[in-house]
Amino acid sequence: MKKKLYTALALAGLLVMNSCTDLNEIVLDETFGSNLSDKEATEGIIAPVYARLPDIFLHTNYFALQEISTDEAILPYRGGTDWGDNGIYLAMHAHTHGATDPNIRNTWNLILQGMSRAITAINTLPTMKDASAKTFLAEARGMRAYYSMLTLDLFGLVFVKNDVGETSKIIRGEEAFEYIKSELLAVEPNLETTVGPGRLSKGAAWGLLARLYLNAGVYRDRYATQFTFKPEDMDKVIEYTDKIISSGQYQLSSDYFSIFNSDNHTNKELIFAVDQRAELNGHNRMAYFSISGDQFPLPAYPAANGTDGPAITSDFYRSWTSAYGTQDPSVDPRFYKQNISVYTNPADSCVAGDKFNMNRGILRGQQYGLIRRNGVFVKCANGDYKVAKLNYDTRNRSDLPVNFSEKIDFTVEGSNYNSGYRVLKYEFSKKSTSGRNFGDADIVILRLADIYLMRAEAKLRKSGDAAGALADVNIVRAARTASTPPPALTSMSLDLLFRERGFEFYWEMVRRPDMVRFGKYESTWTEKTNNDVKKRVFPIPQTAIDGASNIPGYLKQNDGY
């Protein structure tokens, strides 16, 4: 499916959920044009349904809510000059955020815009003559269910609406869970099986159903002292994960980091993803978000550097060192991948441009890379690029090495540019027109490893089947054969499974729901002591509350805000 932006917005009419959500859609094109085929027009209607996903999954927005709110990621006020942003990232990490947080507002608005576009497509596609309309109708309805899953997970509510002119009904708890389930079940028969990860497929619907059932205990009773995981729900998790695994359509990747390469659209481990291919003007910014401003991943782009954003907490790092004891955690190929051994040479080195690739994973200590002077990269006598130890030259701090430390917190020392171990999980684009702001690696929403680990969790929660859970976890670990795979585990428990999910899915925007489900979100970690259970959901943005004030009692703020 091509991402057409001619666009279908003429058919969309007014693309707002209702007057209470303050979502004014920009119409990009007022007409379809008379020369479009039925197929092109039909594709033009479904494209906007997916088009908000890249914005939701931007390096801030949803990432901030799902990662910086956890023990995994922290973003201090760098050097007292960068990432201050009125303290929003400090508050998000410390669980002192409120209803005016812009990342919360942006995520809310973008999700509801996506839902609004899905409703428009649901109402328009039945009038289209092309044979693909039936499949696209199922996708649009399924995407409405997915956007509803996001609002339920993040905000504890779901908007139910079948026509853009209606005022949405707001549901919560069991009713919201049942609604999303029924919608996914209704569309599953009409979804395709081999449309690629950028569209909703049968496999994606099965995976979303498994995720929904796994979190059902949380969604039914958000502030419970202890969540109830019903055996029948866990049976459903096992049923849908079995469907995916037995379908034979997906395959665990032997090279862990290839899952996040710039050409990962065809990686067989991906089930559902944000399509970010360069030809679709993808703008995955995950690659530059964490690394140093003096790390330049692409010889072709001397302005494409990092931004010294979030790092992992020492708490999360210590979960790795605790697991591997006397061994360095880099024995686990998910932790780190060294691409060019020359990076650690004590002397300067020379590397051909097409051979230069940054190390991936969790980056520690002194960093090596391309040296930039006066806006251009320094070259060796043979024309290759000079690679040497990096200092913070771009910050006018040549005295400060790009030497990432374990220590990172909100103190002056812990907020320096070089504090905290960094994450380079997604690869920089090799062919985008920017190199920094445009990345063409699809952002993972669901992949096969998660299917195995969800099944493992369901086995543990249903009947304490540690042996079955252990087998599933070890299947994933053993699959990473491009290098020496991590050693097989010999026992399994919920705590070990939580740790394993951290190792497998760090930086993939699932940490917050994992922490909530495993009862760890109220714990204490670096710069966070707040144990208020009300923080398990985010506040409804104040702009939405204000916009709904003309309907008394319509949009009630979440407890604790």
Protein backbone atom coordinates (compact mmCIF):
# COMPACT_ATOMS: atom_id res chain seq x y z
CA MET A 1 0.00 0.00 0.00
CA LYS A 2 1.38 3.40 -0.97
CA LYS A 3 0.92 6.21 1.50
CA LYS A 4 -1.18 8.55 -0.62
CA LEU A 5 -1.48 12.16 0.52
CA TYR A 6 -3.58 13.56 -2.27
CA THR A 7 -5.61 12.88 0.21
CA ALA A 8 -8.79 11.29 1.41
CA LEU A 9 -9.42 14.22 3.67
CA ALA A 10 -12.01 15.65 1.32
CA LEU A 11 -14.15 12.65 2.12
CA ALA A 12 -13.24 12.95 5.74
CA GLY A 13 -15.20 16.11 6.27
CA LEU A 14 -14.61 17.36 9.76
CA LEU A 15 -12.00 15.02 11.24
CA VAL A 16 -12.54 15.66 14.92
CA MET A 17 -13.74 13.34 17.64
CA ASN A 18 -16.07 16.02 18.90
CA SER A 19 -15.89 19.61 20.08
CA CYS A 20 -14.57 18.45 23.42
CA THR A 21 -11.25 17.13 22.15
CA ASP A 22 -9.90 20.30 20.49
CA LEU A 23 -8.68 18.35 17.46
CA ASN A 24 -8.78 20.54 14.39
CA GLU A 25 -7.57 18.55 11.40
CA ILE A 26 -5.57 20.31 8.69
CA VAL A 27 -7.01 19.50 5.26
CA LEU A 28 -4.07 18.91 2.92
CA ASP A 29 -6.04 18.65 -0.31
CA GLU A 30 -9.61 19.60 -1.02
CA THR A 31 -10.22 17.22 -3.93
CA PHE A 32 -9.36 13.75 -5.06
CA GLY A 33 -8.96 14.73 -8.65
CA SER A 34 -10.82 13.16 -11.54
CA ASN A 35 -8.00 10.94 -12.70
CA LEU A 36 -7.79 8.62 -9.71
CA SER A 37 -8.70 4.99 -10.13
CA ASP A 38 -11.02 3.29 -7.63
CA LYS A 39 -7.98 1.55 -6.16
CA GLU A 40 -6.04 4.79 -5.71
CA ALA A 41 -9.03 6.51 -4.13
CA THR A 42 -9.55 3.59 -1.75
CA GLU A 43 -5.89 3.60 -0.75
CA GLY A 44 -6.17 7.34 -0.19
CA ILE A 45 -8.88 6.74 2.38
CA ILE A 46 -6.97 4.18 4.46
CA ALA A 47 -3.61 6.00 4.39
CA PRO A 48 -4.58 8.77 6.87
CA VAL A 49 -5.68 6.11 9.37
CA TYR A 50 -2.05 5.05 9.79
CA ALA A 51 -0.49 8.47 9.20
CA ARG A 52 -0.53 9.62 12.83
CA LEU A 53 1.50 6.64 14.10
CA PRO A 54 4.90 8.22 13.27
CA ASP A 55 3.93 11.30 15.28
CA ILE A 56 2.64 9.30 18.24
CA PHE A 57 5.85 7.23 18.26
CA LEU A 58 8.08 10.25 17.96
CA HIS A 59 11.17 10.27 20.18
CA THR A 60 9.27 12.44 22.69
CA ASN A 61 5.45 12.05 23.01
CA TYR A 62 4.67 8.35 23.56
CA PHE A 63 8.30 7.48 24.33
CA ALA A 64 8.33 9.95 27.21
CA LEU A 65 5.16 8.47 28.68
CA GLN A 66 6.19 4.83 28.33
CA GLU A 67 9.94 5.03 29.05
CA ILE A 68 10.96 8.19 30.88
CA SER A 69 8.25 7.52 33.46
CA THR A 70 10.02 4.26 34.36
CA ASP A 71 13.20 2.88 35.91
CA GLU A 72 14.65 2.41 32.43
CA ALA A 73 15.12 5.93 31.06
CA ILE A 74 15.98 9.27 32.61
CA LEU A 75 16.43 12.67 30.98
CA PRO A 76 18.07 15.28 33.24
CA TYR A 77 18.56 18.98 32.54
CA ARG A 78 21.74 18.51 30.50
CA GLY A 79 24.49 20.89 31.54
CA GLY A 80 21.85 23.33 32.76
CA THR A 81 21.17 24.30 29.14
CA ASP A 82 19.54 21.39 27.27
CA TRP A 83 16.34 19.40 27.80
CA GLY A 84 15.14 21.70 30.56
CA ASP A 85 11.74 22.10 28.91
CA ASN A 86 10.22 23.62 32.04
CA GLY A 87 11.04 20.49 34.00
CA ILE A 88 8.63 18.17 32.16
CA TYR A 89 11.13 15.32 31.81
CA LEU A 90 12.20 15.59 35.43
CA ALA A 91 8.56 15.50 36.53
CA MET A 92 7.70 12.60 34.24
CA HIS A 93 10.49 10.50 35.67
CA ALA A 94 9.69 11.44 39.28
CA HIS A 95 5.92 10.89 38.78
CA THR A 96 5.09 14.49 39.65
CA HIS A 97 3.72 15.34 36.19
CA GLY A 98 0.38 17.09 35.78
CA ALA A 99 -2.38 17.80 33.29
CA THR A 100 -0.46 20.52 31.43
CA ASP A 101 2.45 18.30 30.37
CA PRO A 102 2.89 18.88 26.60
CA ASN A 103 3.97 15.29 25.83
CA ILE A 104 0.80 14.01 27.49
CA ARG A 105 -1.29 16.55 25.58
CA ASN A 106 0.38 15.79 22.25
CA THR A 107 0.01 12.03 22.70
CA TRP A 108 -3.66 12.42 23.61
CA ASN A 109 -4.39 14.66 20.61
CA LEU A 110 -2.52 12.50 18.12
CA ILE A 111 -4.20 9.29 19.24
CA LEU A 112 -7.64 10.88 19.00
CA GLN A 113 -6.84 12.30 15.59
CA GLY A 114 -5.89 8.81 14.44
CA MET A 115 -9.13 7.49 15.86
CA SER A 116 -11.09 10.25 14.12
CA ARG A 117 -9.51 9.36 10.79
CA ALA A 118 -10.35 5.70 11.37
CA ILE A 119 -14.02 6.62 11.95
CA THR A 120 -14.06 8.64 8.73
CA ALA A 121 -12.62 5.69 6.83
CA ILE A 122 -15.14 3.31 8.42
CA ASN A 123 -17.95 5.50 7.15
CA THR A 124 -16.47 6.09 3.69
CA LEU A 125 -14.98 2.76 2.61
CA PRO A 126 -18.35 0.94 2.22
CA THR A 127 -19.11 3.33 -0.67
CA MET A 128 -15.94 2.43 -2.57
CA LYS A 129 -16.05 -0.02 -5.48
CA ASP A 130 -12.51 -1.40 -5.36
CA ALA A 131 -12.09 -4.95 -4.07
CA SER A 132 -9.59 -3.78 -1.45
CA ALA A 133 -12.26 -1.73 0.34
CA LYS A 134 -13.42 -4.70 2.42
CA THR A 135 -9.90 -5.35 3.73
CA PHE A 136 -9.26 -1.66 4.35
CA LEU A 137 -12.54 -1.37 6.21
CA ALA A 138 -11.39 -4.14 8.55
CA GLU A 139 -8.05 -2.38 8.98
CA ALA A 140 -9.71 0.96 9.76
CA ARG A 141 -11.98 -0.60 12.35
CA GLY A 142 -9.05 -2.56 13.79
CA MET A 143 -6.97 0.61 14.00
CA ARG A 144 -9.80 2.33 15.84
CA ALA A 145 -9.57 -0.55 18.33
CA TYR A 146 -5.78 -0.13 18.54
CA TYR A 147 -6.08 3.61 19.22
CA SER A 148 -8.67 2.71 21.86
CA MET A 149 -6.15 0.33 23.44
CA LEU A 150 -3.74 3.24 23.69
CA THR A 151 -6.22 5.53 25.40
CA LEU A 152 -7.27 2.73 27.76
CA ASP A 153 -3.68 1.92 28.69
CA LEU A 154 -2.52 5.51 29.08
CA PHE A 155 -5.63 7.31 30.32
CA GLY A 156 -7.99 4.60 31.55
CA LEU A 157 -10.82 5.38 29.15
CA VAL A 158 -12.11 4.69 25.65
CA PHE A 159 -14.18 6.86 23.31
CA VAL A 160 -16.93 4.96 21.48
CA LYS A 161 -18.15 6.64 18.35
CA ASN A 162 -19.39 5.43 14.97
CA ASP A 163 -19.92 8.72 13.13
CA VAL A 164 -17.86 11.90 13.13
CA GLY A 165 -20.95 13.95 13.92
CA GLU A 166 -21.70 12.14 17.16
CA THR A 167 -20.56 12.96 20.66
CA SER A 168 -18.44 10.07 21.86
CA LYS A 169 -19.57 7.81 24.65
CA ILE A 170 -16.85 7.38 27.27
CA ILE A 171 -16.34 3.93 28.79
CA ARG A 172 -13.86 2.53 31.29
CA GLY A 173 -12.83 -0.70 32.99
CA GLU A 174 -14.53 -3.96 32.04
CA GLU A 175 -16.79 -2.26 29.50
CA ALA A 176 -13.78 -0.74 27.71
CA PHE A 177 -11.96 -4.08 27.70
CA GLU A 178 -14.97 -5.88 26.22
CA TYR A 179 -15.47 -3.21 23.57
CA ILE A 180 -11.90 -3.41 22.27
CA LYS A 181 -11.98 -7.20 22.34
CA SER A 182 -15.22 -7.33 20.37
CA GLU A 183 -13.89 -4.92 17.76
CA LEU A 184 -10.69 -6.90 17.17
CA LEU A 185 -12.64 -10.15 16.97
CA ALA A 186 -15.07 -8.62 14.48
CA VAL A 187 -12.37 -7.50 12.03
CA GLU A 188 -9.97 -10.44 12.30
CA PRO A 189 -11.71 -12.62 9.64
CA ASN A 190 -11.39 -9.86 7.01
CA LEU A 191 -7.75 -8.93 7.65
CA GLU A 192 -5.00 -10.14 5.35
CA THR A 193 -2.13 -12.36 6.44
CA THR A 194 0.80 -11.07 4.38
CA VAL A 195 0.48 -7.29 4.11
CA GLY A 196 3.72 -6.49 5.93
CA PRO A 197 4.27 -4.98 9.38
CA GLY A 198 3.15 -1.48 8.41
CA ARG A 199 -0.50 -2.54 8.16
CA LEU A 200 -2.85 -4.34 10.50
CA SER A 201 -2.85 -8.05 9.64
CA LYS A 202 -4.37 -11.15 11.19
CA GLY A 203 -1.13 -11.71 13.08
CA ALA A 204 -1.22 -8.15 14.41
CA ALA A 205 -4.83 -8.58 15.55
CA TRP A 206 -3.93 -11.82 17.33
CA GLY A 207 -0.98 -10.10 19.00
CA LEU A 208 -3.11 -7.16 20.12
CA LEU A 209 -5.71 -9.54 21.52
CA ALA A 210 -2.99 -11.39 23.44
CA ARG A 211 -1.69 -8.08 24.83
CA LEU A 212 -5.22 -6.99 25.73
CA TYR A 213 -5.99 -10.21 27.61
CA LEU A 214 -2.62 -10.16 29.37
CA ASN A 215 -3.37 -6.68 30.75
CA ALA A 216 -7.06 -7.33 31.43
CA GLY A 217 -6.52 -7.53 35.18
CA VAL A 218 -4.96 -4.06 35.12
CA TYR A 219 -7.63 -2.54 32.90
CA ARG A 220 -10.50 -3.91 34.99
CA ASP A 221 -9.23 -2.57 38.31
CA ARG A 222 -6.58 0.05 37.69
CA TYR A 223 -5.72 0.84 41.31
CA ALA A 224 -5.93 -2.65 42.77
CA THR A 225 -3.53 -3.61 45.53
CA GLN A 226 -3.01 -6.85 43.64
CA PHE A 227 -4.22 -7.49 40.11
CA THR A 228 -6.36 -10.52 39.31
CA PHE A 229 -5.23 -12.46 36.27
CA LYS A 230 -8.14 -14.73 35.42
CA PRO A 231 -7.23 -18.21 34.15
CA GLU A 232 -9.62 -17.79 31.24
CA ASP A 233 -7.82 -14.59 30.22
CA MET A 234 -4.47 -16.33 30.35
CA ASP A 235 -5.92 -19.15 28.25
CA LYS A 236 -6.76 -16.56 25.61
CA VAL A 237 -3.23 -15.14 25.72
CA ILE A 238 -1.92 -18.64 25.09
CA GLU A 239 -4.48 -19.25 22.34
CA TYR A 240 -3.58 -16.14 20.35
CA THR A 241 0.16 -16.42 20.84
CA ASP A 242 -0.09 -20.06 19.72
CA LYS A 243 -1.85 -18.88 16.55
CA ILE A 244 0.99 -16.52 15.71
CA ILE A 245 3.77 -18.97 16.49
CA SER A 246 2.15 -21.86 14.63
CA SER A 247 1.29 -19.70 11.59
CA GLY A 248 4.89 -19.95 10.38
CA GLN A 249 4.73 -16.38 9.06
CA TYR A 250 7.17 -14.90 11.53
CA GLN A 251 10.70 -15.79 12.54
CA LEU A 252 12.98 -14.79 15.40
CA SER A 253 15.94 -12.85 14.04
CA SER A 254 19.37 -14.41 14.50
CA ASP A 255 20.90 -10.92 14.67
CA TYR A 256 19.16 -9.01 17.47
CA PHE A 257 20.07 -5.54 16.26
CA SER A 258 18.96 -6.26 12.69
CA ILE A 259 15.42 -6.01 14.09
CA PHE A 260 16.11 -2.28 14.44
CA ASN A 261 18.18 -1.68 11.30
CA SER A 262 17.21 0.98 8.80
CA ASP A 263 16.05 -1.75 6.39
CA ASN A 264 14.00 -3.68 8.98
CA HIS A 265 10.70 -3.43 7.10
CA THR A 266 11.24 -6.93 5.74
CA ASN A 267 12.57 -8.41 8.98
CA LYS A 268 10.50 -11.53 9.68
CA GLU A 269 10.35 -10.88 13.41
CA LEU A 270 8.18 -7.78 12.99
CA ILE A 271 4.45 -8.36 13.26
CA PHE A 272 3.14 -4.81 13.55
CA ALA A 273 5.21 -1.65 13.23
CA VAL A 274 5.15 2.03 12.38
CA ASP A 275 6.06 2.09 8.70
CA GLN A 276 8.98 4.52 8.43
CA ARG A 277 10.48 3.65 5.06
CA ALA A 278 12.29 6.54 3.38
CA GLU A 279 9.97 6.48 0.38
CA LEU A 280 7.13 7.22 2.81
CA ASN A 281 9.03 10.12 4.38
CA GLY A 282 9.56 8.29 7.63
CA HIS A 283 10.86 10.33 10.52
CA ASN A 284 12.06 7.88 13.14
CA ARG A 285 14.27 10.01 15.41
CA MET A 286 15.07 7.29 17.90
CA ALA A 287 18.66 6.92 16.64
CA TYR A 288 19.88 10.41 17.52
CA PHE A 289 17.83 10.94 20.69
CA SER A 290 20.20 9.42 23.24
CA ILE A 291 23.71 9.67 21.81
CA SER A 292 26.19 12.52 22.23
CA GLY A 293 26.18 15.73 20.24
CA ASP A 294 29.70 14.77 19.21
CA GLN A 295 28.77 11.38 17.82
CA PHE A 296 28.24 11.54 14.06
CA PRO A 297 26.95 8.22 12.70
CA LEU A 298 26.98 9.05 8.97
CA PRO A 299 29.99 10.28 6.97
CA ALA A 300 27.56 11.70 4.40
CA TYR A 301 25.93 14.02 6.94
CA PRO A 302 28.32 16.21 8.96
CA ALA A 303 25.32 17.92 10.58
CA ALA A 304 23.68 14.66 11.70
CA ASN A 305 24.71 14.23 15.30
CA GLY A 306 23.16 13.17 18.57
CA THR A 307 21.39 15.35 21.09
CA ASP A 308 22.50 14.05 24.52
CA GLY A 309 18.97 13.09 25.46
CA PRO A 310 17.89 10.25 27.76
CA ALA A 311 20.14 7.57 29.21
CA ILE A 312 19.44 4.40 31.12
CA THR A 313 19.34 4.63 34.90
CA SER A 314 21.96 2.95 37.02
CA ASP A 315 19.07 0.86 38.40
CA PHE A 316 18.36 -0.62 35.00
CA TYR A 317 22.05 -1.12 34.27
CA ARG A 318 22.46 -2.95 37.58
CA SER A 319 19.73 -5.39 36.57
CA TRP A 320 22.13 -6.52 33.81
CA THR A 321 25.21 -6.74 36.01
CA SER A 322 23.23 -8.60 38.68
CA ALA A 323 22.07 -11.14 36.10
CA TYR A 324 25.56 -11.84 34.73
CA GLY A 325 27.59 -11.61 37.92
CA THR A 326 31.32 -11.81 37.21
CA GLN A 327 30.74 -11.65 33.44
CA ASP A 328 30.33 -8.34 31.67
CA PRO A 329 26.72 -7.94 30.45
CA SER A 330 28.04 -7.56 26.90
CA VAL A 331 28.12 -11.38 26.79
CA ASP A 332 24.42 -10.94 26.05
CA PRO A 333 24.18 -9.90 22.36
CA ARG A 334 21.13 -7.79 23.16
CA PHE A 335 23.16 -5.52 25.43
CA TYR A 336 25.81 -4.38 22.98
CA LYS A 337 27.13 -4.91 19.48
CA GLN A 338 30.60 -3.70 18.54
CA ASN A 339 30.70 -3.09 14.81
CA ILE A 340 34.28 -1.99 14.23
CA SER A 341 37.06 -3.04 16.58
CA VAL A 342 39.07 0.04 15.59
CA TYR A 343 36.81 2.10 17.84
CA THR A 344 38.73 0.96 20.89
CA ASN A 345 42.22 1.45 19.47
CA PRO A 346 44.26 3.77 21.68
CA ALA A 347 45.68 5.50 18.60
CA ASP A 348 43.84 7.35 15.87
CA SER A 349 42.52 5.15 13.06
CA CYS A 350 41.29 5.54 9.53
CA VAL A 351 38.06 3.99 8.22
CA ALA A 352 36.46 4.04 4.78
CA GLY A 353 33.14 5.84 4.73
CA ASP A 354 31.15 2.81 3.61
CA LYS A 355 32.68 0.74 6.42
CA PHE A 356 31.83 3.13 9.23
CA ASN A 357 29.08 1.95 11.55
CA MET A 358 28.46 2.96 15.12
CA ASN A 359 28.37 0.47 17.92
CA ARG A 360 24.83 -0.43 18.95
CA GLY A 361 22.96 -1.14 22.13
CA ILE A 362 23.99 0.27 25.49
CA LEU A 363 27.05 2.50 25.08
CA ARG A 364 29.43 2.87 28.02
CA GLY A 365 32.69 4.67 28.68
CA GLN A 366 34.91 6.51 26.22
CA GLN A 367 33.36 6.80 22.77
CA TYR A 368 35.21 6.82 19.47
CA GLY A 369 34.00 8.18 16.17
CA LEU A 370 34.30 10.62 13.30
CA ILE A 371 36.14 13.82 14.14
CA ARG A 372 34.52 17.03 12.88
CA ARG A 373 36.37 20.30 12.54
CA ASN A 374 34.88 23.51 11.09
CA GLY A 375 31.80 21.64 9.94
CA VAL A 376 33.57 18.88 8.01
CA PHE A 377 34.96 15.49 8.94
CA VAL A 378 38.71 15.12 9.22
CA LYS A 379 40.24 12.70 6.72
CA CYS A 380 43.41 10.68 6.71
CA ALA A 381 46.08 10.97 4.01
CA ASN A 382 44.52 8.05 2.07
CA GLY A 383 41.11 9.75 1.94
CA ASP A 384 39.51 7.59 4.64
CA TYR A 385 37.83 9.16 7.63
CA LYS A 386 39.73 9.74 10.82
CA VAL A 387 38.30 7.89 13.82
CA ALA A 388 39.53 8.82 17.29
CA LYS A 389 38.49 9.53 20.87
CA LEU A 390 35.64 12.01 21.07
CA ASN A 391 35.39 15.13 23.19
CA TYR A 392 32.50 17.58 23.55
CA ASP A 393 33.75 19.94 20.86
CA THR A 394 30.22 20.84 19.72
CA ARG A 395 29.52 22.10 23.26
CA ASN A 396 32.74 24.13 23.25
CA ARG A 397 33.92 21.73 25.94
CA SER A 398 36.94 20.10 24.36
CA ASP A 399 38.14 19.39 27.90
CA LEU A 400 35.17 17.05 28.47
CA PRO A 401 35.55 13.58 26.94
CA VAL A 402 32.54 11.79 25.49
CA ASN A 403 33.00 9.23 28.23
CA PHE A 404 29.62 7.95 29.35
CA SER A 405 29.36 7.24 33.08
CA GLU A 406 27.01 4.99 34.99
CA LYS A 407 26.04 7.83 37.29
CA ILE A 408 23.12 9.91 36.12
CA ASP A 409 20.60 11.82 38.21
CA PHE A 410 19.24 15.33 38.68
CA THR A 411 22.31 16.70 40.46
CA VAL A 412 24.68 19.05 38.63
CA GLU A 413 27.27 16.28 38.28
CA GLY A 414 24.70 13.69 37.26
CA SER A 415 23.21 16.02 34.65
CA ASN A 416 26.40 16.69 32.74
CA TYR A 417 26.48 16.03 28.99
CA ASN A 418 28.43 12.81 29.43
CA SER A 419 26.43 11.36 32.32
CA GLY A 420 24.57 8.10 31.87
CA TYR A 421 25.03 5.10 29.61
CA ARG A 422 23.33 5.75 26.27
CA VAL A 423 21.19 3.66 23.96
CA LEU A 424 21.62 3.32 20.20
CA LYS A 425 19.14 0.58 19.38
CA TYR A 426 17.60 1.85 16.13
CA GLU A 427 20.06 2.38 13.30
CA PHE A 428 20.55 5.75 11.63
CA SER A 429 19.10 5.89 8.16
CA LYS A 430 21.54 5.25 5.34
CA LYS A 431 19.41 6.96 2.71
CA SER A 432 17.23 9.64 4.23
CA THR A 433 17.59 13.23 3.07
CA SER A 434 18.60 14.44 6.51
CA GLY A 435 20.36 11.72 8.44
CA ARG A 436 19.31 13.22 11.75
CA ASN A 437 15.62 13.98 11.69
CA PHE A 438 14.57 11.35 9.17
CA GLY A 439 15.05 7.67 9.91
CA ASP A 440 13.60 4.81 7.89
CA ALA A 441 13.70 2.04 10.50
CA ASP A 442 10.19 0.85 11.26
CA ILE A 443 9.37 1.36 14.94
CA VAL A 444 8.29 -1.90 16.53
CA ILE A 445 4.81 -2.20 18.00
CA LEU A 446 4.67 -6.01 18.10
CA ARG A 447 7.33 -8.60 17.31
CA LEU A 448 7.63 -12.33 17.66
CA ALA A 449 9.85 -12.28 20.77
CA ASP A 450 7.05 -10.49 22.62
CA ILE A 451 4.65 -13.22 21.56
CA TYR A 452 6.84 -15.89 23.15
CA LEU A 453 7.32 -13.86 26.32
CA MET A 454 3.61 -13.06 26.61
CA ARG A 455 2.89 -16.78 26.33
CA ALA A 456 5.51 -17.49 28.99
CA GLU A 457 3.89 -14.95 31.32
CA ALA A 458 0.43 -16.38 30.76
CA LYS A 459 1.71 -19.87 31.61
CA LEU A 460 3.21 -18.59 34.85
CA ARG A 461 0.16 -16.57 35.86
CA LYS A 462 -2.36 -19.25 35.00
CA SER A 463 -0.87 -22.33 36.63
CA GLY A 464 2.68 -21.60 37.68
CA ASP A 465 3.99 -23.52 34.68
CA ALA A 466 7.61 -22.50 35.20
CA ALA A 467 8.93 -25.20 32.87
CA GLY A 468 6.74 -24.09 29.99
CA ALA A 469 7.59 -20.45 30.58
CA LEU A 470 11.30 -21.23 30.79
CA ALA A 471 11.16 -23.06 27.47
CA ASP A 472 9.56 -20.05 25.75
CA VAL A 473 12.11 -17.62 27.18
CA ASN A 474 15.02 -19.83 26.19
CA ILE A 475 13.69 -20.17 22.63
CA VAL A 476 14.05 -16.40 22.27
CA ARG A 477 17.49 -16.30 23.88
CA ALA A 478 18.80 -19.19 21.78
CA ALA A 479 17.60 -17.61 18.53
CA ARG A 480 20.23 -14.84 18.57
CA THR A 481 22.88 -16.92 16.85
CA ALA A 482 24.55 -14.22 14.73
CA SER A 483 26.92 -13.98 17.68
CA THR A 484 27.20 -16.15 20.76
CA PRO A 485 23.67 -16.21 22.20
CA PRO A 486 23.09 -15.48 25.87
CA PRO A 487 23.33 -18.58 28.05
CA ALA A 488 20.11 -20.49 28.62
CA LEU A 489 18.32 -19.75 31.88
CA THR A 490 17.82 -22.64 34.28
CA SER A 491 14.80 -21.39 36.24
CA MET A 492 11.87 -19.06 35.73
CA SER A 493 9.65 -16.90 37.92
CA LEU A 494 7.64 -13.72 37.43
CA ASP A 495 10.55 -11.61 38.71
CA LEU A 496 12.96 -13.31 36.32
CA LEU A 497 10.51 -12.88 33.46
CA PHE A 498 10.15 -9.17 34.25
CA ARG A 499 13.93 -8.86 34.15
CA GLU A 500 14.04 -10.76 30.86
CA ARG A 501 11.44 -8.46 29.31
CA GLY A 502 13.68 -5.53 30.27
CA PHE A 503 16.65 -7.12 28.51
CA GLU A 504 14.68 -7.96 25.38
CA PHE A 505 12.49 -4.86 24.99
CA TYR A 506 14.41 -1.91 26.44
CA TRP A 507 13.72 1.36 24.61
CA GLU A 508 10.69 -0.20 22.82
CA MET A 509 8.02 1.70 24.76
CA VAL A 510 6.56 -1.19 26.73
CA ARG A 511 8.32 -0.64 30.06
CA ARG A 512 5.56 1.33 31.82
CA PRO A 513 2.75 -1.21 31.21
CA ASP A 514 5.18 -3.99 32.13
CA MET A 515 6.04 -2.29 35.41
CA VAL A 516 2.37 -1.69 36.22
CA ARG A 517 1.37 -5.28 35.43
CA PHE A 518 4.22 -6.75 37.46
CA GLY A 519 3.45 -4.49 40.43
CA LYS A 520 6.70 -2.50 40.25
CA TYR A 521 5.56 0.94 39.08
CA GLU A 522 5.29 2.30 42.62
CA SER A 523 8.85 1.20 43.46
CA THR A 524 11.73 3.57 44.19
CA TRP A 525 14.47 4.19 41.64
CA THR A 526 16.91 6.95 40.69
CA GLU A 527 15.24 10.31 41.41
CA LYS A 528 11.83 8.71 41.96
CA THR A 529 10.23 8.02 45.34
CA ASN A 530 6.56 8.74 44.58
CA ASN A 531 4.50 5.59 45.23
CA ASP A 532 1.06 6.99 44.39
CA VAL A 533 -0.97 4.30 42.57
CA LYS A 534 -2.95 7.05 40.86
CA LYS A 535 0.10 7.62 38.65
CA ARG A 536 -0.58 4.29 36.91
CA VAL A 537 -2.62 6.37 34.47
CA PHE A 538 -1.85 9.79 33.08
CA PRO A 539 -4.01 12.87 33.55
CA ILE A 540 -6.45 13.88 30.87
CA PRO A 541 -4.87 17.01 29.36
CA GLN A 542 -6.21 20.22 30.80
CA THR A 543 -6.97 21.48 27.30
CA ALA A 544 -9.35 18.53 26.81
CA ILE A 545 -10.99 19.12 30.21
CA ASP A 546 -11.47 22.79 29.36
CA GLY A 547 -12.83 21.95 25.93
CA ALA A 548 -15.42 19.64 27.45
CA SER A 549 -16.64 22.16 30.01
CA ASN A 550 -19.74 22.92 27.96
CA ILE A 551 -21.02 19.39 28.69
CA PRO A 552 -21.16 19.10 32.50
CA GLY A 553 -19.72 15.84 33.77
CA TYR A 554 -18.77 14.59 30.32
CA LEU A 555 -15.00 14.34 30.69
CA LYS A 556 -14.00 13.70 34.29
CA GLN A 557 -10.35 14.11 35.24
CA ASN A 558 -8.56 10.97 36.37
CA ASP A 559 -8.20 10.55 40.13
CA GLY A 560 -5.18 12.19 41.71
CA TYR A 561 -4.76 15.03 39.21
